[in-house]
Amino acid sequence: MSERVSVDPVSSIKVTLNNEVVAETTRGYVVHEQGLDDRYYVPVADVRAALSPGAGAGTCPWKGEWRHLDVTVGETRVANGAWTYFESKPATAATKDFVAFYGSKFQIQIA
């Protein structure tokens, strides 16, 4: 854990798009990062949508190497709708290869 970033387990995360479930898990995490909204990460095995490489990738000095993912739900494709960290820093190692969805593009419910 760093002073800037921390990770906690979440009891339940449900991600939807137009009332269709995109992902649902009881094995997810929330990442708290100073200065940013909380971000919720779901194991890729609990994603019900098709994921494909999106446009854009980068490095976060506190979390690691990330890339965007396109998300396809039925006939709807959401370009760069999610991201994943394929190389994680120690503070966020639990979320490596998990998927986080943009709250501006999907509805995210936490319990």
PDB file of N, CA and C in Angstrom:
ATOM      1  N   MET A   1       0.844  -1.178   0.000  1.00  0.00           N
ATOM      2  CA  MET A   1       0.000   0.000   0.000  1.00  0.00           C
ATOM      3  C   MET A   1       0.889   1.240   0.000  1.00  0.00           C
ATOM      4  N   SER A   2       0.461   2.252  -0.704  1.00  0.00           N
ATOM      5  CA  SER A   2       1.184   3.515  -0.699  1.00  0.00           C
ATOM      6  C   SER A   2       0.307   4.553  -0.026  1.00  0.00           C
ATOM      7  N   GLU A   3       0.859   5.720   0.224  1.00  0.00           N
ATOM      8  CA  GLU A   3       0.068   6.791   0.831  1.00  0.00           C
ATOM      9  C   GLU A   3      -0.975   7.318  -0.149  1.00  0.00           C
ATOM     10  N   ARG A   4      -0.733   7.164  -1.424  1.00  0.00           N
ATOM     11  CA  ARG A   4      -1.629   7.713  -2.441  1.00  0.00           C
ATOM     12  C   ARG A   4      -2.731   6.742  -2.878  1.00  0.00           C
ATOM     13  N   VAL A   5      -2.472   5.437  -2.822  1.00  0.00           N
ATOM     14  CA  VAL A   5      -3.392   4.432  -3.343  1.00  0.00           C
ATOM     15  C   VAL A   5      -3.603   3.331  -2.305  1.00  0.00           C
ATOM     16  N   SER A   6      -4.872   2.884  -2.166  1.00  0.00           N
ATOM     17  CA  SER A   6      -5.153   1.714  -1.337  1.00  0.00           C
ATOM     18  C   SER A   6      -6.236   0.882  -2.016  1.00  0.00           C
ATOM     19  N   VAL A   7      -6.268  -0.409  -1.675  1.00  0.00           N
ATOM     20  CA  VAL A   7      -7.202  -1.354  -2.278  1.00  0.00           C
ATOM     21  C   VAL A   7      -7.947  -2.071  -1.166  1.00  0.00           C
ATOM     22  N   ASP A   8      -9.275  -2.182  -1.330  1.00  0.00           N
ATOM     23  CA  ASP A   8     -10.107  -2.904  -0.363  1.00  0.00           C
ATOM     24  C   ASP A   8     -11.051  -3.837  -1.107  1.00  0.00           C
ATOM     25  N   PRO A   9     -11.375  -4.997  -0.516  1.00  0.00           N
ATOM     26  CA  PRO A   9     -12.374  -5.873  -1.131  1.00  0.00           C
ATOM     27  C   PRO A   9     -13.758  -5.232  -1.044  1.00  0.00           C
ATOM     28  N   VAL A  10     -14.631  -5.605  -1.977  1.00  0.00           N
ATOM     29  CA  VAL A  10     -16.009  -5.111  -2.014  1.00  0.00           C
ATOM     30  C   VAL A  10     -16.930  -6.325  -1.979  1.00  0.00           C
ATOM     31  N   SER A  11     -17.993  -6.260  -1.194  1.00  0.00           N
ATOM     32  CA  SER A  11     -18.918  -7.390  -1.064  1.00  0.00           C
ATOM     33  C   SER A  11     -19.578  -7.766  -2.381  1.00  0.00           C
ATOM     34  N   SER A  12     -19.990  -6.763  -3.155  1.00  0.00           N
ATOM     35  CA  SER A  12     -20.703  -7.042  -4.394  1.00  0.00           C
ATOM     36  C   SER A  12     -20.564  -5.868  -5.356  1.00  0.00           C
ATOM     37  N   ILE A  13     -20.273  -6.178  -6.621  1.00  0.00           N
ATOM     38  CA  ILE A  13     -20.222  -5.168  -7.684  1.00  0.00           C
ATOM     39  C   ILE A  13     -21.078  -5.681  -8.834  1.00  0.00           C
ATOM     40  N   LYS A  14     -21.955  -4.819  -9.325  1.00  0.00           N
ATOM     41  CA  LYS A  14     -22.786  -5.153 -10.483  1.00  0.00           C
ATOM     42  C   LYS A  14     -22.672  -4.011 -11.484  1.00  0.00           C
ATOM     43  N   VAL A  15     -22.315  -4.350 -12.720  1.00  0.00           N
ATOM     44  CA  VAL A  15     -22.159  -3.374 -13.792  1.00  0.00           C
ATOM     45  C   VAL A  15     -23.222  -3.666 -14.836  1.00  0.00           C
ATOM     46  N   THR A  16     -23.975  -2.632 -15.228  1.00  0.00           N
ATOM     47  CA  THR A  16     -25.023  -2.812 -16.233  1.00  0.00           C
ATOM     48  C   THR A  16     -24.905  -1.754 -17.325  1.00  0.00           C
ATOM     49  N   LEU A  17     -25.528  -2.080 -18.454  1.00  0.00           N
ATOM     50  CA  LEU A  17     -25.652  -1.156 -19.578  1.00  0.00           C
ATOM     51  C   LEU A  17     -27.045  -1.364 -20.152  1.00  0.00           C
ATOM     52  N   ASN A  18     -27.854  -0.313 -20.135  1.00  0.00           N
ATOM     53  CA  ASN A  18     -29.237  -0.418 -20.636  1.00  0.00           C
ATOM     54  C   ASN A  18     -29.971  -1.596 -19.994  1.00  0.00           C
ATOM     55  N   ASN A  19     -29.837  -1.726 -18.677  1.00  0.00           N
ATOM     56  CA  ASN A  19     -30.488  -2.780 -17.877  1.00  0.00           C
ATOM     57  C   ASN A  19     -29.988  -4.187 -18.153  1.00  0.00           C
ATOM     58  N   GLU A  20     -28.931  -4.334 -18.926  1.00  0.00           N
ATOM     59  CA  GLU A  20     -28.338  -5.650 -19.170  1.00  0.00           C
ATOM     60  C   GLU A  20     -27.081  -5.787 -18.310  1.00  0.00           C
ATOM     61  N   VAL A  21     -26.958  -6.922 -17.630  1.00  0.00           N
ATOM     62  CA  VAL A  21     -25.800  -7.143 -16.756  1.00  0.00           C
ATOM     63  C   VAL A  21     -24.555  -7.378 -17.604  1.00  0.00           C
ATOM     64  N   VAL A  22     -23.541  -6.567 -17.345  1.00  0.00           N
ATOM     65  CA  VAL A  22     -22.256  -6.653 -18.043  1.00  0.00           C
ATOM     66  C   VAL A  22     -21.260  -7.447 -17.206  1.00  0.00           C
ATOM     67  N   ALA A  23     -21.316  -7.234 -15.898  1.00  0.00           N
ATOM     68  CA  ALA A  23     -20.427  -7.938 -14.974  1.00  0.00           C
ATOM     69  C   ALA A  23     -21.084  -7.965 -13.605  1.00  0.00           C
ATOM     70  N   GLU A  24     -20.828  -9.047 -12.873  1.00  0.00           N
ATOM     71  CA  GLU A  24     -21.357  -9.171 -11.518  1.00  0.00           C
ATOM     72  C   GLU A  24     -20.404 -10.050 -10.731  1.00  0.00           C
ATOM     73  N   THR A  25     -20.027  -9.591  -9.544  1.00  0.00           N
ATOM     74  CA  THR A  25     -19.044 -10.347  -8.769  1.00  0.00           C
ATOM     75  C   THR A  25     -19.189 -10.099  -7.275  1.00  0.00           C
ATOM     76  N   THR A  26     -18.715 -11.062  -6.524  1.00  0.00           N
ATOM     77  CA  THR A  26     -18.529 -10.910  -5.081  1.00  0.00           C
ATOM     78  C   THR A  26     -17.033 -11.008  -4.766  1.00  0.00           C
ATOM     79  N   ARG A  27     -16.209 -10.913  -5.810  1.00  0.00           N
ATOM     80  CA  ARG A  27     -14.749 -11.031  -5.659  1.00  0.00           C
ATOM     81  C   ARG A  27     -14.014  -9.782  -6.132  1.00  0.00           C
ATOM     82  N   GLY A  28     -14.697  -8.647  -6.123  1.00  0.00           N
ATOM     83  CA  GLY A  28     -14.111  -7.425  -6.648  1.00  0.00           C
ATOM     84  C   GLY A  28     -13.401  -6.582  -5.606  1.00  0.00           C
ATOM     85  N   TYR A  29     -12.803  -5.515  -6.103  1.00  0.00           N
ATOM     86  CA  TYR A  29     -12.060  -4.580  -5.256  1.00  0.00           C
ATOM     87  C   TYR A  29     -12.418  -3.138  -5.605  1.00  0.00           C
ATOM     88  N   VAL A  30     -12.228  -2.273  -4.634  1.00  0.00           N
ATOM     89  CA  VAL A  30     -12.296  -0.835  -4.869  1.00  0.00           C
ATOM     90  C   VAL A  30     -10.880  -0.288  -4.689  1.00  0.00           C
ATOM     91  N   VAL A  31     -10.492   0.581  -5.606  1.00  0.00           N
ATOM     92  CA  VAL A  31      -9.206   1.269  -5.508  1.00  0.00           C
ATOM     93  C   VAL A  31      -9.488   2.716  -5.126  1.00  0.00           C
ATOM     94  N   HIS A  32      -8.937   3.118  -4.007  1.00  0.00           N
ATOM     95  CA  HIS A  32      -9.025   4.498  -3.543  1.00  0.00           C
ATOM     96  C   HIS A  32      -7.728   5.181  -3.941  1.00  0.00           C
ATOM     97  N   GLU A  33      -7.843   6.248  -4.694  1.00  0.00           N
ATOM     98  CA  GLU A  33      -6.653   6.986  -5.096  1.00  0.00           C
ATOM     99  C   GLU A  33      -6.867   8.455  -4.773  1.00  0.00           C
ATOM    100  N   GLN A  34      -5.924   9.010  -4.089  1.00  0.00           N
ATOM    101  CA  GLN A  34      -5.991  10.413  -3.679  1.00  0.00           C
ATOM    102  C   GLN A  34      -6.307  11.310  -4.880  1.00  0.00           C
ATOM    103  N   GLY A  35      -7.361  12.119  -4.736  1.00  0.00           N
ATOM    104  CA  GLY A  35      -7.723  13.071  -5.779  1.00  0.00           C
ATOM    105  C   GLY A  35      -8.636  12.529  -6.862  1.00  0.00           C
ATOM    106  N   LEU A  36      -8.978  11.224  -6.821  1.00  0.00           N
ATOM    107  CA  LEU A  36      -9.838  10.618  -7.842  1.00  0.00           C
ATOM    108  C   LEU A  36     -11.032   9.927  -7.184  1.00  0.00           C
ATOM    109  N   ASP A  37     -12.103   9.733  -7.965  1.00  0.00           N
ATOM    110  CA  ASP A  37     -13.229   8.930  -7.493  1.00  0.00           C
ATOM    111  C   ASP A  37     -12.769   7.494  -7.307  1.00  0.00           C
ATOM    112  N   ASP A  38     -13.451   6.767  -6.419  1.00  0.00           N
ATOM    113  CA  ASP A  38     -13.161   5.349  -6.254  1.00  0.00           C
ATOM    114  C   ASP A  38     -13.410   4.626  -7.571  1.00  0.00           C
ATOM    115  N   ARG A  39     -12.609   3.601  -7.834  1.00  0.00           N
ATOM    116  CA  ARG A  39     -12.738   2.781  -9.045  1.00  0.00           C
ATOM    117  C   ARG A  39     -12.945   1.337  -8.608  1.00  0.00           C
ATOM    118  N   TYR A  40     -13.852   0.630  -9.303  1.00  0.00           N
ATOM    119  CA  TYR A  40     -14.223  -0.724  -8.922  1.00  0.00           C
ATOM    120  C   TYR A  40     -13.718  -1.714  -9.958  1.00  0.00           C
ATOM    121  N   TYR A  41     -13.076  -2.766  -9.483  1.00  0.00           N
ATOM    122  CA  TYR A  41     -12.423  -3.748 -10.339  1.00  0.00           C
ATOM    123  C   TYR A  41     -13.074  -5.117 -10.183  1.00  0.00           C
ATOM    124  N   VAL A  42     -13.350  -5.753 -11.320  1.00  0.00           N
ATOM    125  CA  VAL A  42     -14.058  -7.020 -11.405  1.00  0.00           C
ATOM    126  C   VAL A  42     -13.126  -8.059 -12.034  1.00  0.00           C
ATOM    127  N   PRO A  43     -13.107  -9.298 -11.521  1.00  0.00           N
ATOM    128  CA  PRO A  43     -12.322 -10.340 -12.197  1.00  0.00           C
ATOM    129  C   PRO A  43     -12.843 -10.550 -13.619  1.00  0.00           C
ATOM    130  N   VAL A  44     -11.960 -10.732 -14.557  1.00  0.00           N
ATOM    131  CA  VAL A  44     -12.367 -10.910 -15.951  1.00  0.00           C
ATOM    132  C   VAL A  44     -13.300 -12.114 -16.103  1.00  0.00           C
ATOM    133  N   ALA A  45     -13.154 -13.121 -15.274  1.00  0.00           N
ATOM    134  CA  ALA A  45     -14.023 -14.302 -15.341  1.00  0.00           C
ATOM    135  C   ALA A  45     -15.477 -13.964 -15.008  1.00  0.00           C
ATOM    136  N   ASP A  46     -15.711 -12.847 -14.328  1.00  0.00           N
ATOM    137  CA  ASP A  46     -17.066 -12.442 -13.940  1.00  0.00           C
ATOM    138  C   ASP A  46     -17.664 -11.397 -14.880  1.00  0.00           C
ATOM    139  N   VAL A  47     -16.997 -11.150 -15.986  1.00  0.00           N
ATOM    140  CA  VAL A  47     -17.507 -10.227 -17.006  1.00  0.00           C
ATOM    141  C   VAL A  47     -18.303 -11.036 -18.018  1.00  0.00           C
ATOM    142  N   ARG A  48     -19.544 -10.614 -18.294  1.00  0.00           N
ATOM    143  CA  ARG A  48     -20.427 -11.333 -19.218  1.00  0.00           C
ATOM    144  C   ARG A  48     -20.398 -10.746 -20.621  1.00  0.00           C
ATOM    145  N   ALA A  49     -19.716  -9.645 -20.807  1.00  0.00           N
ATOM    146  CA  ALA A  49     -19.613  -8.983 -22.109  1.00  0.00           C
ATOM    147  C   ALA A  49     -18.337  -9.437 -22.808  1.00  0.00           C
ATOM    148  N   ALA A  50     -18.286  -9.172 -24.114  1.00  0.00           N
ATOM    149  CA  ALA A  50     -17.057  -9.440 -24.863  1.00  0.00           C
ATOM    150  C   ALA A  50     -16.102  -8.276 -24.686  1.00  0.00           C
ATOM    151  N   LEU A  51     -14.852  -8.583 -24.410  1.00  0.00           N
ATOM    152  CA  LEU A  51     -13.811  -7.564 -24.247  1.00  0.00           C
ATOM    153  C   LEU A  51     -12.817  -7.694 -25.391  1.00  0.00           C
ATOM    154  N   SER A  52     -12.372  -6.562 -25.906  1.00  0.00           N
ATOM    155  CA  SER A  52     -11.359  -6.561 -26.964  1.00  0.00           C
ATOM    156  C   SER A  52     -10.449  -5.362 -26.748  1.00  0.00           C
ATOM    157  N   PRO A  53      -9.251  -5.380 -27.341  1.00  0.00           N
ATOM    158  CA  PRO A  53      -8.340  -4.252 -27.148  1.00  0.00           C
ATOM    159  C   PRO A  53      -8.972  -2.941 -27.612  1.00  0.00           C
ATOM    160  N   GLY A  54      -8.801  -1.919 -26.795  1.00  0.00           N
ATOM    161  CA  GLY A  54      -9.284  -0.586 -27.134  1.00  0.00           C
ATOM    162  C   GLY A  54      -8.126   0.288 -27.585  1.00  0.00           C
ATOM    163  N   ALA A  55      -8.409   1.567 -27.730  1.00  0.00           N
ATOM    164  CA  ALA A  55      -7.384   2.531 -28.126  1.00  0.00           C
ATOM    165  C   ALA A  55      -6.855   3.226 -26.883  1.00  0.00           C
ATOM    166  N   GLY A  56      -5.575   3.168 -26.702  1.00  0.00           N
ATOM    167  CA  GLY A  56      -4.958   3.891 -25.600  1.00  0.00           C
ATOM    168  C   GLY A  56      -4.418   2.973 -24.528  1.00  0.00           C
ATOM    169  N   ALA A  57      -3.286   3.369 -24.014  1.00  0.00           N
ATOM    170  CA  ALA A  57      -2.611   2.653 -22.940  1.00  0.00           C
ATOM    171  C   ALA A  57      -1.663   3.630 -22.275  1.00  0.00           C
ATOM    172  N   GLY A  58      -1.184   3.269 -21.106  1.00  0.00           N
ATOM    173  CA  GLY A  58      -0.271   4.170 -20.428  1.00  0.00           C
ATOM    174  C   GLY A  58       0.274   3.571 -19.154  1.00  0.00           C
ATOM    175  N   THR A  59       0.929   4.431 -18.410  1.00  0.00           N
ATOM    176  CA  THR A  59       1.555   4.044 -17.157  1.00  0.00           C
ATOM    177  C   THR A  59       1.098   4.972 -16.052  1.00  0.00           C
ATOM    178  N   CYS A  60       0.675   4.400 -14.939  1.00  0.00           N
ATOM    179  CA  CYS A  60       0.397   5.165 -13.729  1.00  0.00           C
ATOM    180  C   CYS A  60       1.538   4.880 -12.761  1.00  0.00           C
ATOM    181  N   PRO A  61       2.185   5.905 -12.230  1.00  0.00           N
ATOM    182  CA  PRO A  61       3.323   5.652 -11.346  1.00  0.00           C
ATOM    183  C   PRO A  61       2.949   4.940 -10.051  1.00  0.00           C
ATOM    184  N   TRP A  62       1.669   4.945  -9.678  1.00  0.00           N
ATOM    185  CA  TRP A  62       1.238   4.311  -8.432  1.00  0.00           C
ATOM    186  C   TRP A  62       0.559   2.971  -8.652  1.00  0.00           C
ATOM    187  N   LYS A  63       0.014   2.733  -9.871  1.00  0.00           N
ATOM    188  CA  LYS A  63      -0.753   1.511 -10.111  1.00  0.00           C
ATOM    189  C   LYS A  63      -0.135   0.594 -11.151  1.00  0.00           C
ATOM    190  N   GLY A  64       0.564   1.103 -12.147  1.00  0.00           N
ATOM    191  CA  GLY A  64       1.222   0.244 -13.124  1.00  0.00           C
ATOM    192  C   GLY A  64       0.865   0.543 -14.562  1.00  0.00           C
ATOM    193  N   GLU A  65       0.983  -0.484 -15.420  1.00  0.00           N
ATOM    194  CA  GLU A  65       0.749  -0.373 -16.864  1.00  0.00           C
ATOM    195  C   GLU A  65      -0.691  -0.761 -17.176  1.00  0.00           C
ATOM    196  N   TRP A  66      -1.396   0.094 -17.905  1.00  0.00           N
ATOM    197  CA  TRP A  66      -2.806  -0.152 -18.210  1.00  0.00           C
ATOM    198  C   TRP A  66      -3.069  -0.050 -19.705  1.00  0.00           C
ATOM    199  N   ARG A  67      -4.224  -0.579 -20.108  1.00  0.00           N
ATOM    200  CA  ARG A  67      -4.701  -0.413 -21.487  1.00  0.00           C
ATOM    201  C   ARG A  67      -6.224  -0.382 -21.473  1.00  0.00           C
ATOM    202  N   HIS A  68      -6.772   0.352 -22.442  1.00  0.00           N
ATOM    203  CA  HIS A  68      -8.226   0.416 -22.602  1.00  0.00           C
ATOM    204  C   HIS A  68      -8.762  -0.870 -23.211  1.00  0.00           C
ATOM    205  N   LEU A  69     -10.034  -1.128 -22.914  1.00  0.00           N
ATOM    206  CA  LEU A  69     -10.746  -2.260 -23.488  1.00  0.00           C
ATOM    207  C   LEU A  69     -12.055  -1.771 -24.102  1.00  0.00           C
ATOM    208  N   ASP A  70     -12.393  -2.286 -25.264  1.00  0.00           N
ATOM    209  CA  ASP A  70     -13.719  -2.079 -25.836  1.00  0.00           C
ATOM    210  C   ASP A  70     -14.619  -3.153 -25.226  1.00  0.00           C
ATOM    211  N   VAL A  71     -15.864  -2.780 -24.947  1.00  0.00           N
ATOM    212  CA  VAL A  71     -16.819  -3.685 -24.315  1.00  0.00           C
ATOM    213  C   VAL A  71     -18.007  -3.849 -25.245  1.00  0.00           C
ATOM    214  N   THR A  72     -18.330  -5.088 -25.599  1.00  0.00           N
ATOM    215  CA  THR A  72     -19.469  -5.350 -26.469  1.00  0.00           C
ATOM    216  C   THR A  72     -20.519  -6.136 -25.688  1.00  0.00           C
ATOM    217  N   VAL A  73     -21.725  -5.552 -25.621  1.00  0.00           N
ATOM    218  CA  VAL A  73     -22.860  -6.146 -24.926  1.00  0.00           C
ATOM    219  C   VAL A  73     -23.963  -6.308 -25.958  1.00  0.00           C
ATOM    220  N   GLY A  74     -24.234  -7.530 -26.342  1.00  0.00           N
ATOM    221  CA  GLY A  74     -25.213  -7.750 -27.410  1.00  0.00           C
ATOM    222  C   GLY A  74     -24.729  -7.079 -28.685  1.00  0.00           C
ATOM    223  N   GLU A  75     -25.530  -6.167 -29.209  1.00  0.00           N
ATOM    224  CA  GLU A  75     -25.184  -5.432 -30.426  1.00  0.00           C
ATOM    225  C   GLU A  75     -24.488  -4.101 -30.138  1.00  0.00           C
ATOM    226  N   THR A  76     -24.341  -3.770 -28.862  1.00  0.00           N
ATOM    227  CA  THR A  76     -23.790  -2.472 -28.481  1.00  0.00           C
ATOM    228  C   THR A  76     -22.314  -2.583 -28.137  1.00  0.00           C
ATOM    229  N   ARG A  77     -21.500  -1.809 -28.824  1.00  0.00           N
ATOM    230  CA  ARG A  77     -20.052  -1.745 -28.545  1.00  0.00           C
ATOM    231  C   ARG A  77     -19.745  -0.410 -27.893  1.00  0.00           C
ATOM    232  N   VAL A  78     -19.091  -0.462 -26.742  1.00  0.00           N
ATOM    233  CA  VAL A  78     -18.682   0.747 -26.040  1.00  0.00           C
ATOM    234  C   VAL A  78     -17.164   0.859 -26.181  1.00  0.00           C
ATOM    235  N   ALA A  79     -16.731   1.755 -27.052  1.00  0.00           N
ATOM    236  CA  ALA A  79     -15.298   1.943 -27.282  1.00  0.00           C
ATOM    237  C   ALA A  79     -14.639   2.499 -26.024  1.00  0.00           C
ATOM    238  N   ASN A  80     -13.514   1.908 -25.671  1.00  0.00           N
ATOM    239  CA  ASN A  80     -12.767   2.338 -24.483  1.00  0.00           C
ATOM    240  C   ASN A  80     -13.677   2.436 -23.264  1.00  0.00           C
ATOM    241  N   GLY A  81     -14.544   1.456 -23.093  1.00  0.00           N
ATOM    242  CA  GLY A  81     -15.496   1.463 -21.990  1.00  0.00           C
ATOM    243  C   GLY A  81     -14.913   0.986 -20.675  1.00  0.00           C
ATOM    244  N   ALA A  82     -13.745   0.359 -20.745  1.00  0.00           N
ATOM    245  CA  ALA A  82     -13.134  -0.196 -19.538  1.00  0.00           C
ATOM    246  C   ALA A  82     -11.615  -0.158 -19.686  1.00  0.00           C
ATOM    247  N   TRP A  83     -10.936  -0.546 -18.628  1.00  0.00           N
ATOM    248  CA  TRP A  83      -9.474  -0.654 -18.673  1.00  0.00           C
ATOM    249  C   TRP A  83      -9.027  -1.774 -17.763  1.00  0.00           C
ATOM    250  N   THR A  84      -7.798  -2.202 -17.970  1.00  0.00           N
ATOM    251  CA  THR A  84      -7.191  -3.226 -17.141  1.00  0.00           C
ATOM    252  C   THR A  84      -5.727  -2.876 -16.904  1.00  0.00           C
ATOM    253  N   TYR A  85      -5.227  -3.267 -15.750  1.00  0.00           N
ATOM    254  CA  TYR A  85      -3.802  -3.147 -15.452  1.00  0.00           C
ATOM    255  C   TYR A  85      -3.170  -4.512 -15.684  1.00  0.00           C
ATOM    256  N   PHE A  86      -2.322  -4.616 -16.706  1.00  0.00           N
ATOM    257  CA  PHE A  86      -1.674  -5.886 -17.019  1.00  0.00           C
ATOM    258  C   PHE A  86      -0.333  -6.017 -16.317  1.00  0.00           C
ATOM    259  N   GLU A  87       0.181  -4.938 -15.786  1.00  0.00           N
ATOM    260  CA  GLU A  87       1.376  -4.935 -14.927  1.00  0.00           C
ATOM    261  C   GLU A  87       1.045  -4.010 -13.756  1.00  0.00           C
ATOM    262  N   SER A  88       1.070  -4.547 -12.547  1.00  0.00           N
ATOM    263  CA  SER A  88       0.646  -3.763 -11.389  1.00  0.00           C
ATOM    264  C   SER A  88       1.795  -3.473 -10.450  1.00  0.00           C
ATOM    265  N   LYS A  89       1.676  -2.343  -9.780  1.00  0.00           N
ATOM    266  CA  LYS A  89       2.590  -2.000  -8.692  1.00  0.00           C
ATOM    267  C   LYS A  89       2.161  -2.784  -7.452  1.00  0.00           C
ATOM    268  N   PRO A  90       3.037  -2.915  -6.457  1.00  0.00           N
ATOM    269  CA  PRO A  90       2.677  -3.674  -5.249  1.00  0.00           C
ATOM    270  C   PRO A  90       1.388  -3.185  -4.577  1.00  0.00           C
ATOM    271  N   ALA A  91       1.122  -1.893  -4.581  1.00  0.00           N
ATOM    272  CA  ALA A  91      -0.059  -1.350  -3.899  1.00  0.00           C
ATOM    273  C   ALA A  91      -1.362  -1.849  -4.515  1.00  0.00           C
ATOM    274  N   THR A  92      -1.341  -2.183  -5.803  1.00  0.00           N
ATOM    275  CA  THR A  92      -2.563  -2.599  -6.495  1.00  0.00           C
ATOM    276  C   THR A  92      -2.442  -3.995  -7.111  1.00  0.00           C
ATOM    277  N   ALA A  93      -1.541  -4.815  -6.608  1.00  0.00           N
ATOM    278  CA  ALA A  93      -1.313  -6.147  -7.167  1.00  0.00           C
ATOM    279  C   ALA A  93      -2.586  -6.989  -7.198  1.00  0.00           C
ATOM    280  N   ALA A  94      -3.487  -6.802  -6.249  1.00  0.00           N
ATOM    281  CA  ALA A  94      -4.726  -7.588  -6.195  1.00  0.00           C
ATOM    282  C   ALA A  94      -5.609  -7.360  -7.418  1.00  0.00           C
ATOM    283  N   THR A  95      -5.478  -6.225  -8.087  1.00  0.00           N
ATOM    284  CA  THR A  95      -6.348  -5.898  -9.219  1.00  0.00           C
ATOM    285  C   THR A  95      -5.706  -6.186 -10.577  1.00  0.00           C
ATOM    286  N   LYS A  96      -4.526  -6.779 -10.588  1.00  0.00           N
ATOM    287  CA  LYS A  96      -3.859  -7.095 -11.849  1.00  0.00           C
ATOM    288  C   LYS A  96      -4.759  -7.998 -12.690  1.00  0.00           C
ATOM    289  N   ASP A  97      -4.947  -7.636 -13.954  1.00  0.00           N
ATOM    290  CA  ASP A  97      -5.775  -8.364 -14.915  1.00  0.00           C
ATOM    291  C   ASP A  97      -7.270  -8.330 -14.594  1.00  0.00           C
ATOM    292  N   PHE A  98      -7.694  -7.515 -13.636  1.00  0.00           N
ATOM    293  CA  PHE A  98      -9.113  -7.278 -13.393  1.00  0.00           C
ATOM    294  C   PHE A  98      -9.577  -6.189 -14.358  1.00  0.00           C
ATOM    295  N   VAL A  99     -10.881  -5.980 -14.448  1.00  0.00           N
ATOM    296  CA  VAL A  99     -11.450  -4.992 -15.361  1.00  0.00           C
ATOM    297  C   VAL A  99     -12.184  -3.929 -14.556  1.00  0.00           C
ATOM    298  N   ALA A 100     -11.947  -2.676 -14.900  1.00  0.00           N
ATOM    299  CA  ALA A 100     -12.676  -1.543 -14.311  1.00  0.00           C
ATOM    300  C   ALA A 100     -13.455  -0.861 -15.433  1.00  0.00           C
ATOM    301  N   PHE A 101     -14.701  -0.527 -15.154  1.00  0.00           N
ATOM    302  CA  PHE A 101     -15.587   0.090 -16.139  1.00  0.00           C
ATOM    303  C   PHE A 101     -15.756   1.571 -15.828  1.00  0.00           C
ATOM    304  N   TYR A 102     -15.841   2.384 -16.872  1.00  0.00           N
ATOM    305  CA  TYR A 102     -16.062   3.811 -16.690  1.00  0.00           C
ATOM    306  C   TYR A 102     -17.489   4.055 -16.214  1.00  0.00           C
ATOM    307  N   GLY A 103     -17.616   4.729 -15.076  1.00  0.00           N
ATOM    308  CA  GLY A 103     -18.924   5.062 -14.524  1.00  0.00           C
ATOM    309  C   GLY A 103     -19.714   6.014 -15.397  1.00  0.00           C
ATOM    310  N   SER A 104     -19.050   6.724 -16.289  1.00  0.00           N
ATOM    311  CA  SER A 104     -19.740   7.624 -17.213  1.00  0.00           C
ATOM    312  C   SER A 104     -20.372   6.867 -18.387  1.00  0.00           C
ATOM    313  N   LYS A 105     -19.983   5.592 -18.563  1.00  0.00           N
ATOM    314  CA  LYS A 105     -20.484   4.795 -19.683  1.00  0.00           C
ATOM    315  C   LYS A 105     -21.364   3.622 -19.239  1.00  0.00           C
ATOM    316  N   PHE A 106     -21.220   3.214 -17.975  1.00  0.00           N
ATOM    317  CA  PHE A 106     -21.961   2.080 -17.413  1.00  0.00           C
ATOM    318  C   PHE A 106     -22.548   2.475 -16.076  1.00  0.00           C
ATOM    319  N   GLN A 107     -23.546   1.727 -15.643  1.00  0.00           N
ATOM    320  CA  GLN A 107     -24.089   1.905 -14.310  1.00  0.00           C
ATOM    321  C   GLN A 107     -23.373   0.893 -13.403  1.00  0.00           C
ATOM    322  N   ILE A 108     -22.856   1.376 -12.275  1.00  0.00           N
ATOM    323  CA  ILE A 108     -22.106   0.527 -11.356  1.00  0.00           C
ATOM    324  C   ILE A 108     -22.796   0.578 -10.006  1.00  0.00           C
ATOM    325  N   GLN A 109     -23.215  -0.605  -9.507  1.00  0.00           N
ATOM    326  CA  GLN A 109     -23.879  -0.708  -8.222  1.00  0.00           C
ATOM    327  C   GLN A 109     -22.974  -1.475  -7.262  1.00  0.00           C
ATOM    328  N   ILE A 110     -22.847  -0.938  -6.060  1.00  0.00           N
ATOM    329  CA  ILE A 110     -21.976  -1.525  -5.042  1.00  0.00           C
ATOM    330  C   ILE A 110     -22.819  -1.909  -3.827  1.00  0.00           C
ATOM    331  N   ALA A 111     -22.512  -3.059  -3.247  1.00  0.00           N
ATOM    332  CA  ALA A 111     -23.193  -3.467  -2.012  1.00  0.00           C
ATOM    333  C   ALA A 111     -22.158  -3.908  -0.995  1.00  0.00           C
TER     334      ALA A 111
END
